[in-house]
């Protein structure tokens, strides 16, 4: 019944480790017993395994909020993360523009070329500012509800 064991392990792979082993063991035993019952009723082994797996369903049938969704919610950025992104992009942009100005003034005389790449680099903090403002607006809307 290796197929049943692999199916259960794969189904519950996102559960916390402390609950996972016990859950996998109990469900594997339950499904194995069901396969044996179906085989006693005349099903072939593979047909009984397939029927058991189909009747078991998916993790969403048993858990209203699967752990995978909870992990996704934990990974969502908070306002603090967006502020840090804003600070990082601003400082990075200043450093890059400073290097462009230094290179322009040091190596090429009479031609001011640093402006165009400098403008291109300015889109980085503008994009992070846009994301920060959108996040802060959505947080305000949630608080108002």
N, C-alpha and C. Protein backbone atom coordinates (compact mmCIF):
# COMPACT_ATOMS: atom_id res chain seq x y z
N UNK A 1 0.82 -1.20 0.00
CA UNK A 1 0.00 0.00 0.00
C UNK A 1 0.87 1.27 0.00
N UNK A 2 1.95 1.17 -0.69
CA UNK A 2 2.87 2.31 -0.80
C UNK A 2 2.20 3.50 -1.47
N UNK A 3 1.29 3.23 -2.42
CA UNK A 3 0.60 4.31 -3.12
C UNK A 3 -0.25 5.14 -2.14
N UNK A 4 -0.93 4.46 -1.25
CA UNK A 4 -1.76 5.16 -0.25
C UNK A 4 -0.88 6.01 0.64
N UNK A 5 0.21 5.45 1.10
CA UNK A 5 1.12 6.18 1.98
C UNK A 5 1.69 7.41 1.27
N UNK A 6 2.10 7.26 0.02
CA UNK A 6 2.63 8.40 -0.74
C UNK A 6 1.56 9.46 -0.96
N UNK A 7 0.32 9.02 -1.25
CA UNK A 7 -0.78 9.96 -1.46
C UNK A 7 -1.03 10.78 -0.20
N UNK A 8 -1.08 10.13 0.94
CA UNK A 8 -1.36 10.84 2.20
C UNK A 8 -0.21 11.78 2.55
N UNK A 9 1.02 11.33 2.38
CA UNK A 9 2.17 12.19 2.67
C UNK A 9 2.16 13.43 1.78
N UNK A 10 1.85 13.24 0.51
CA UNK A 10 1.81 14.36 -0.42
C UNK A 10 0.66 15.31 -0.11
N UNK A 11 -0.48 14.76 0.31
CA UNK A 11 -1.64 15.59 0.61
C UNK A 11 -1.39 16.48 1.83
N UNK A 12 -0.73 15.95 2.83
CA UNK A 12 -0.55 16.68 4.08
C UNK A 12 0.88 17.19 4.27
N UNK A 13 1.59 17.42 3.17
CA UNK A 13 2.98 17.86 3.27
C UNK A 13 3.13 19.27 3.83
N UNK A 14 2.08 20.09 3.76
CA UNK A 14 2.18 21.46 4.25
C UNK A 14 1.72 21.62 5.70
N UNK A 15 1.34 20.55 6.33
CA UNK A 15 0.92 20.64 7.73
C UNK A 15 2.14 20.81 8.62
N UNK A 16 1.97 21.41 9.78
CA UNK A 16 3.09 21.53 10.73
C UNK A 16 3.62 20.16 11.12
N UNK A 17 4.92 20.08 11.33
CA UNK A 17 5.57 18.80 11.58
C UNK A 17 5.03 18.09 12.81
N UNK A 18 4.69 18.84 13.86
CA UNK A 18 4.24 18.20 15.09
C UNK A 18 2.91 17.45 14.91
N UNK A 19 2.05 17.91 14.01
CA UNK A 19 0.76 17.26 13.78
C UNK A 19 0.82 16.29 12.61
N UNK A 20 1.74 16.50 11.71
CA UNK A 20 1.75 15.79 10.43
C UNK A 20 1.93 14.28 10.58
N UNK A 21 2.92 13.83 11.33
CA UNK A 21 3.23 12.41 11.41
C UNK A 21 2.06 11.61 11.97
N UNK A 22 1.46 12.12 13.04
CA UNK A 22 0.32 11.42 13.64
C UNK A 22 -0.86 11.37 12.68
N UNK A 23 -1.11 12.47 12.01
CA UNK A 23 -2.21 12.56 11.06
C UNK A 23 -1.99 11.62 9.87
N UNK A 24 -0.78 11.62 9.34
CA UNK A 24 -0.46 10.75 8.20
C UNK A 24 -0.64 9.28 8.58
N UNK A 25 -0.19 8.93 9.77
CA UNK A 25 -0.30 7.54 10.20
C UNK A 25 -1.76 7.11 10.36
N UNK A 26 -2.57 7.95 10.99
CA UNK A 26 -3.97 7.56 11.20
C UNK A 26 -4.75 7.51 9.89
N UNK A 27 -4.53 8.46 9.00
CA UNK A 27 -5.26 8.46 7.73
C UNK A 27 -4.79 7.32 6.84
N UNK A 28 -3.50 7.03 6.86
CA UNK A 28 -2.99 5.91 6.07
C UNK A 28 -3.62 4.60 6.53
N UNK A 29 -3.72 4.42 7.85
CA UNK A 29 -4.35 3.20 8.37
C UNK A 29 -5.81 3.12 7.95
N UNK A 30 -6.52 4.25 8.02
CA UNK A 30 -7.93 4.29 7.65
C UNK A 30 -8.11 3.94 6.17
N UNK A 31 -7.30 4.56 5.31
CA UNK A 31 -7.43 4.30 3.88
C UNK A 31 -7.00 2.88 3.52
N UNK A 32 -6.01 2.34 4.21
CA UNK A 32 -5.57 0.97 3.96
C UNK A 32 -6.69 -0.01 4.31
N UNK A 33 -7.36 0.24 5.43
CA UNK A 33 -8.49 -0.62 5.81
C UNK A 33 -9.60 -0.55 4.77
N UNK A 34 -9.84 0.65 4.24
CA UNK A 34 -10.88 0.80 3.21
C UNK A 34 -10.50 0.02 1.95
N UNK A 35 -9.23 0.09 1.57
CA UNK A 35 -8.77 -0.67 0.39
C UNK A 35 -8.97 -2.17 0.63
N UNK A 36 -8.63 -2.64 1.82
CA UNK A 36 -8.80 -4.07 2.14
C UNK A 36 -10.27 -4.47 2.10
N UNK A 37 -11.15 -3.60 2.61
CA UNK A 37 -12.59 -3.88 2.55
C UNK A 37 -13.07 -3.97 1.11
N UNK A 38 -12.62 -3.04 0.27
CA UNK A 38 -13.02 -3.07 -1.14
C UNK A 38 -12.50 -4.31 -1.84
N UNK A 39 -11.30 -4.74 -1.48
CA UNK A 39 -10.74 -5.94 -2.09
C UNK A 39 -11.54 -7.17 -1.67
N UNK A 40 -12.04 -7.18 -0.42
CA UNK A 40 -12.88 -8.29 0.03
C UNK A 40 -14.20 -8.32 -0.73
N UNK A 41 -14.66 -7.14 -1.19
CA UNK A 41 -15.91 -7.07 -1.94
C UNK A 41 -15.72 -7.44 -3.41
N UNK A 42 -14.48 -7.67 -3.81
CA UNK A 42 -14.26 -8.15 -5.17
C UNK A 42 -13.47 -7.21 -6.07
N UNK A 43 -13.09 -6.06 -5.57
CA UNK A 43 -12.28 -5.14 -6.38
C UNK A 43 -10.85 -5.65 -6.47
N UNK A 44 -10.21 -5.34 -7.61
CA UNK A 44 -8.78 -5.61 -7.71
C UNK A 44 -8.04 -4.57 -6.88
N UNK A 45 -6.78 -4.85 -6.55
CA UNK A 45 -6.04 -3.95 -5.64
C UNK A 45 -5.94 -2.53 -6.20
N UNK A 46 -5.55 -2.39 -7.45
CA UNK A 46 -5.37 -1.05 -8.03
C UNK A 46 -6.70 -0.31 -8.11
N UNK A 47 -7.77 -1.01 -8.47
CA UNK A 47 -9.09 -0.39 -8.55
C UNK A 47 -9.55 0.06 -7.16
N UNK A 48 -9.26 -0.75 -6.15
CA UNK A 48 -9.64 -0.40 -4.79
C UNK A 48 -8.86 0.83 -4.31
N UNK A 49 -7.58 0.90 -4.65
CA UNK A 49 -6.76 2.05 -4.27
C UNK A 49 -7.29 3.31 -4.96
N UNK A 50 -7.57 3.20 -6.24
CA UNK A 50 -8.08 4.36 -6.99
C UNK A 50 -9.40 4.84 -6.42
N UNK A 51 -10.30 3.93 -6.14
CA UNK A 51 -11.61 4.29 -5.59
C UNK A 51 -11.45 4.95 -4.21
N UNK A 52 -10.57 4.42 -3.40
CA UNK A 52 -10.34 4.98 -2.07
C UNK A 52 -9.79 6.39 -2.15
N UNK A 53 -8.83 6.60 -3.02
CA UNK A 53 -8.22 7.93 -3.17
C UNK A 53 -9.25 8.92 -3.69
N UNK A 54 -10.06 8.50 -4.65
CA UNK A 54 -11.09 9.40 -5.19
C UNK A 54 -12.12 9.76 -4.12
N UNK A 55 -12.52 8.80 -3.33
CA UNK A 55 -13.51 9.07 -2.29
C UNK A 55 -12.94 9.90 -1.15
N UNK A 56 -11.65 9.80 -0.94
CA UNK A 56 -11.02 10.59 0.13
C UNK A 56 -11.11 12.07 -0.19
N UNK A 57 -10.90 12.42 -1.44
CA UNK A 57 -11.00 13.82 -1.85
C UNK A 57 -9.69 14.57 -1.67
N UNK A 58 -9.83 15.87 -1.39
CA UNK A 58 -8.65 16.72 -1.23
C UNK A 58 -8.63 17.31 0.18
N UNK A 59 -7.56 17.97 0.48
CA UNK A 59 -7.39 18.54 1.81
C UNK A 59 -8.43 19.63 2.08
N UNK A 60 -8.87 20.32 1.04
CA UNK A 60 -9.86 21.39 1.21
C UNK A 60 -11.19 20.85 1.70
N UNK A 61 -11.47 19.57 1.43
CA UNK A 61 -12.72 18.97 1.90
C UNK A 61 -12.74 18.79 3.42
N UNK A 62 -11.59 18.72 4.03
CA UNK A 62 -11.51 18.43 5.46
C UNK A 62 -11.10 19.61 6.31
N UNK A 63 -10.42 20.56 5.70
CA UNK A 63 -9.90 21.70 6.45
C UNK A 63 -10.39 22.98 5.78
N UNK A 64 -11.10 23.81 6.54
CA UNK A 64 -11.67 25.02 5.94
C UNK A 64 -10.60 26.01 5.52
N UNK A 65 -9.51 26.12 6.26
CA UNK A 65 -8.39 26.98 5.90
C UNK A 65 -7.12 26.14 5.90
N UNK A 66 -6.77 25.60 4.77
CA UNK A 66 -5.56 24.78 4.72
C UNK A 66 -4.32 25.56 5.14
N UNK A 67 -3.33 24.83 5.59
CA UNK A 67 -2.10 25.45 6.08
C UNK A 67 -1.40 26.22 4.98
N UNK A 68 -1.52 25.76 3.74
CA UNK A 68 -0.86 26.44 2.64
C UNK A 68 -1.38 27.88 2.50
N UNK A 69 -2.68 28.05 2.66
CA UNK A 69 -3.25 29.39 2.59
C UNK A 69 -2.78 30.23 3.76
N UNK A 70 -2.71 29.63 4.95
CA UNK A 70 -2.23 30.36 6.13
C UNK A 70 -0.80 30.82 5.93
N UNK A 71 0.04 29.98 5.33
CA UNK A 71 1.42 30.38 5.06
C UNK A 71 1.46 31.55 4.09
N UNK A 72 0.58 31.52 3.10
CA UNK A 72 0.55 32.61 2.13
C UNK A 72 0.17 33.91 2.82
N UNK A 73 -0.78 33.85 3.74
CA UNK A 73 -1.17 35.05 4.47
C UNK A 73 -0.03 35.57 5.34
N UNK A 74 0.77 34.66 5.90
CA UNK A 74 1.90 35.08 6.73
C UNK A 74 2.98 35.76 5.89
N UNK A 75 3.09 35.37 4.60
CA UNK A 75 4.13 35.92 3.75
C UNK A 75 3.78 37.31 3.22
N UNK A 76 2.54 37.73 3.36
CA UNK A 76 2.17 39.03 2.83
C UNK A 76 2.95 40.12 3.56
N UNK A 77 3.35 41.12 2.79
CA UNK A 77 4.16 42.19 3.35
C UNK A 77 3.32 43.13 4.19
N UNK A 78 3.91 43.61 5.26
CA UNK A 78 3.26 44.62 6.08
C UNK A 78 3.73 46.00 5.62
N UNK A 79 3.13 47.04 6.19
CA UNK A 79 3.54 48.40 5.84
C UNK A 79 5.01 48.63 6.15
N UNK A 80 5.50 48.03 7.22
CA UNK A 80 6.91 48.19 7.59
C UNK A 80 7.83 47.67 6.48
N UNK A 81 7.45 46.53 5.87
CA UNK A 81 8.24 45.99 4.77
C UNK A 81 8.28 46.97 3.59
N UNK A 82 7.14 47.58 3.30
CA UNK A 82 7.10 48.53 2.18
C UNK A 82 7.90 49.79 2.49
N UNK A 83 7.89 50.22 3.75
CA UNK A 83 8.73 51.37 4.13
C UNK A 83 10.20 51.03 3.96
N UNK A 84 10.58 49.83 4.37
CA UNK A 84 11.97 49.40 4.22
C UNK A 84 12.36 49.33 2.74
N UNK A 85 11.44 48.83 1.91
CA UNK A 85 11.70 48.81 0.46
C UNK A 85 11.91 50.22 -0.07
N UNK A 86 11.11 51.15 0.41
CA UNK A 86 11.20 52.55 -0.03
C UNK A 86 12.55 53.15 0.36
N UNK A 87 12.96 52.91 1.58
CA UNK A 87 14.25 53.44 2.06
C UNK A 87 15.39 52.83 1.25
N UNK A 88 15.35 51.51 1.06
CA UNK A 88 16.40 50.82 0.32
C UNK A 88 16.50 51.34 -1.11
N UNK A 89 15.35 51.47 -1.77
CA UNK A 89 15.38 51.92 -3.16
C UNK A 89 15.85 53.37 -3.27
N UNK A 90 15.49 54.20 -2.31
CA UNK A 90 15.94 55.61 -2.35
C UNK A 90 17.44 55.71 -2.16
N UNK A 91 17.96 55.00 -1.18
CA UNK A 91 19.41 55.04 -0.94
C UNK A 91 20.16 54.43 -2.12
N UNK A 92 19.66 53.31 -2.65
CA UNK A 92 20.29 52.68 -3.81
C UNK A 92 20.31 53.61 -5.01
N UNK A 93 19.20 54.31 -5.22
CA UNK A 93 19.13 55.25 -6.34
C UNK A 93 20.14 56.38 -6.17
N UNK A 94 20.25 56.91 -4.97
CA UNK A 94 21.22 57.98 -4.71
C UNK A 94 22.65 57.51 -4.97
N UNK A 95 22.95 56.30 -4.55
CA UNK A 95 24.30 55.75 -4.77
C UNK A 95 24.56 55.58 -6.27
N UNK A 96 23.60 55.02 -6.99
CA UNK A 96 23.79 54.80 -8.43
C UNK A 96 23.94 56.12 -9.17
N UNK A 97 23.09 57.09 -8.85
CA UNK A 97 23.19 58.40 -9.52
C UNK A 97 24.51 59.07 -9.16
N UNK A 98 24.94 58.93 -7.92
CA UNK A 98 26.24 59.47 -7.52
C UNK A 98 27.37 58.85 -8.31
N UNK A 99 27.32 57.55 -8.52
CA UNK A 99 28.35 56.88 -9.32
C UNK A 99 28.30 57.35 -10.77
N UNK A 100 27.08 57.56 -11.29
CA UNK A 100 26.96 58.04 -12.67
C UNK A 100 27.56 59.44 -12.81
N UNK A 101 27.26 60.31 -11.85
CA UNK A 101 27.81 61.67 -11.90
C UNK A 101 29.33 61.63 -11.80
N UNK A 102 29.85 60.83 -10.88
CA UNK A 102 31.30 60.73 -10.71
C UNK A 102 31.94 60.23 -12.00
N UNK A 103 31.36 59.17 -12.59
CA UNK A 103 31.92 58.63 -13.84
C UNK A 103 31.86 59.66 -14.96
N UNK A 104 30.75 60.37 -15.04
CA UNK A 104 30.58 61.38 -16.09
C UNK A 104 31.61 62.49 -15.95
N UNK A 105 31.78 63.00 -14.74
CA UNK A 105 32.69 64.12 -14.53
C UNK A 105 34.15 63.69 -14.59
N UNK A 106 34.44 62.46 -14.23
CA UNK A 106 35.82 62.00 -14.20
C UNK A 106 36.32 61.58 -15.57
N UNK A 107 35.52 60.84 -16.31
CA UNK A 107 36.02 60.21 -17.53
C UNK A 107 35.60 60.90 -18.83
N UNK A 108 34.55 61.68 -18.82
CA UNK A 108 34.15 62.35 -20.07
C UNK A 108 33.98 63.84 -19.78
N UNK A 109 34.75 64.63 -20.46
CA UNK A 109 34.69 66.07 -20.24
C UNK A 109 33.79 66.71 -21.30
N UNK A 110 32.95 67.62 -20.86
CA UNK A 110 32.13 68.39 -21.78
C UNK A 110 30.83 67.72 -22.20
N UNK A 111 30.65 66.43 -21.93
CA UNK A 111 29.42 65.74 -22.31
C UNK A 111 28.69 65.34 -21.02
N UNK A 112 27.45 65.77 -20.91
CA UNK A 112 26.68 65.40 -19.72
C UNK A 112 25.73 64.27 -20.13
N UNK A 113 26.12 63.05 -19.83
CA UNK A 113 25.33 61.90 -20.21
C UNK A 113 24.65 61.21 -19.03
N UNK A 114 24.99 61.57 -17.78
CA UNK A 114 24.47 60.87 -16.62
C UNK A 114 22.98 61.12 -16.38
N UNK A 115 22.41 62.14 -17.04
CA UNK A 115 21.02 62.52 -16.80
C UNK A 115 20.06 61.41 -17.24
N UNK A 116 20.24 60.87 -18.42
CA UNK A 116 19.31 59.85 -18.92
C UNK A 116 19.34 58.57 -18.09
N UNK A 117 20.50 57.99 -17.80
CA UNK A 117 20.47 56.81 -16.93
C UNK A 117 19.97 57.15 -15.53
N UNK A 118 20.26 58.39 -15.08
CA UNK A 118 19.76 58.82 -13.76
C UNK A 118 18.25 58.86 -13.72
N UNK A 119 17.63 59.34 -14.80
CA UNK A 119 16.17 59.36 -14.87
C UNK A 119 15.60 57.94 -14.88
N UNK A 120 16.28 57.06 -15.59
CA UNK A 120 15.82 55.68 -15.63
C UNK A 120 15.88 55.03 -14.25
N UNK A 121 16.94 55.33 -13.50
CA UNK A 121 17.09 54.74 -12.16
C UNK A 121 16.04 55.30 -11.20
N UNK A 122 15.55 56.51 -11.44
CA UNK A 122 14.54 57.11 -10.56
C UNK A 122 13.21 56.35 -10.56
N UNK A 123 12.98 55.52 -11.56
CA UNK A 123 11.74 54.75 -11.59
C UNK A 123 11.69 53.72 -10.46
N UNK A 124 12.82 53.30 -9.98
CA UNK A 124 12.86 52.30 -8.91
C UNK A 124 12.18 52.82 -7.64
N UNK A 125 12.61 53.96 -7.07
CA UNK A 125 11.91 54.43 -5.86
C UNK A 125 10.47 54.87 -6.16
N UNK A 126 10.21 55.34 -7.38
CA UNK A 126 8.83 55.70 -7.71
C UNK A 126 7.91 54.48 -7.69
N UNK A 127 8.40 53.37 -8.19
CA UNK A 127 7.61 52.15 -8.18
C UNK A 127 7.37 51.65 -6.76
N UNK A 128 8.39 51.72 -5.91
CA UNK A 128 8.21 51.28 -4.53
C UNK A 128 7.31 52.25 -3.76
N UNK A 129 7.38 53.52 -4.07
CA UNK A 129 6.46 54.49 -3.44
C UNK A 129 5.02 54.18 -3.84
N UNK A 130 4.82 53.86 -5.09
CA UNK A 130 3.48 53.50 -5.58
C UNK A 130 2.94 52.28 -4.84
N UNK A 131 3.77 51.25 -4.69
CA UNK A 131 3.35 50.05 -3.98
C UNK A 131 3.07 50.34 -2.51
N UNK A 132 3.89 51.18 -1.89
CA UNK A 132 3.69 51.56 -0.48
C UNK A 132 2.37 52.30 -0.31
N UNK A 133 2.09 53.27 -1.19
CA UNK A 133 0.85 54.03 -1.09
C UNK A 133 -0.37 53.14 -1.30
N UNK A 134 -0.28 52.20 -2.24
CA UNK A 134 -1.39 51.27 -2.44
C UNK A 134 -1.61 50.40 -1.20
N UNK A 135 -0.54 49.94 -0.60
CA UNK A 135 -0.67 49.10 0.60
C UNK A 135 -1.25 49.90 1.75
N UNK A 136 -0.77 51.12 1.95
CA UNK A 136 -1.28 51.92 3.07
C UNK A 136 -2.75 52.26 2.86
N UNK A 137 -3.16 52.45 1.61
CA UNK A 137 -4.57 52.73 1.32
C UNK A 137 -5.43 51.50 1.60
N UNK A 138 -4.93 50.32 1.25
CA UNK A 138 -5.71 49.10 1.50
C UNK A 138 -5.81 48.81 3.00
N UNK A 139 -4.75 49.16 3.76
CA UNK A 139 -4.79 48.98 5.21
C UNK A 139 -5.82 49.93 5.82
N UNK A 140 -5.89 51.15 5.33
CA UNK A 140 -6.88 52.11 5.82
C UNK A 140 -8.30 51.61 5.55
N UNK A 141 -8.51 51.06 4.36
CA UNK A 141 -9.84 50.54 4.01
C UNK A 141 -10.24 49.39 4.93
N UNK A 142 -9.29 48.52 5.27
CA UNK A 142 -9.59 47.41 6.17
C UNK A 142 -9.94 47.91 7.57
N UNK A 143 -9.24 48.96 8.02
CA UNK A 143 -9.53 49.52 9.35
C UNK A 143 -10.89 50.17 9.38
N UNK A 144 -11.31 50.78 8.27
CA UNK A 144 -12.61 51.45 8.21
C UNK A 144 -13.76 50.47 8.25
N UNK A 145 -13.53 49.25 7.78
CA UNK A 145 -14.60 48.24 7.76
C UNK A 145 -14.86 47.77 9.12
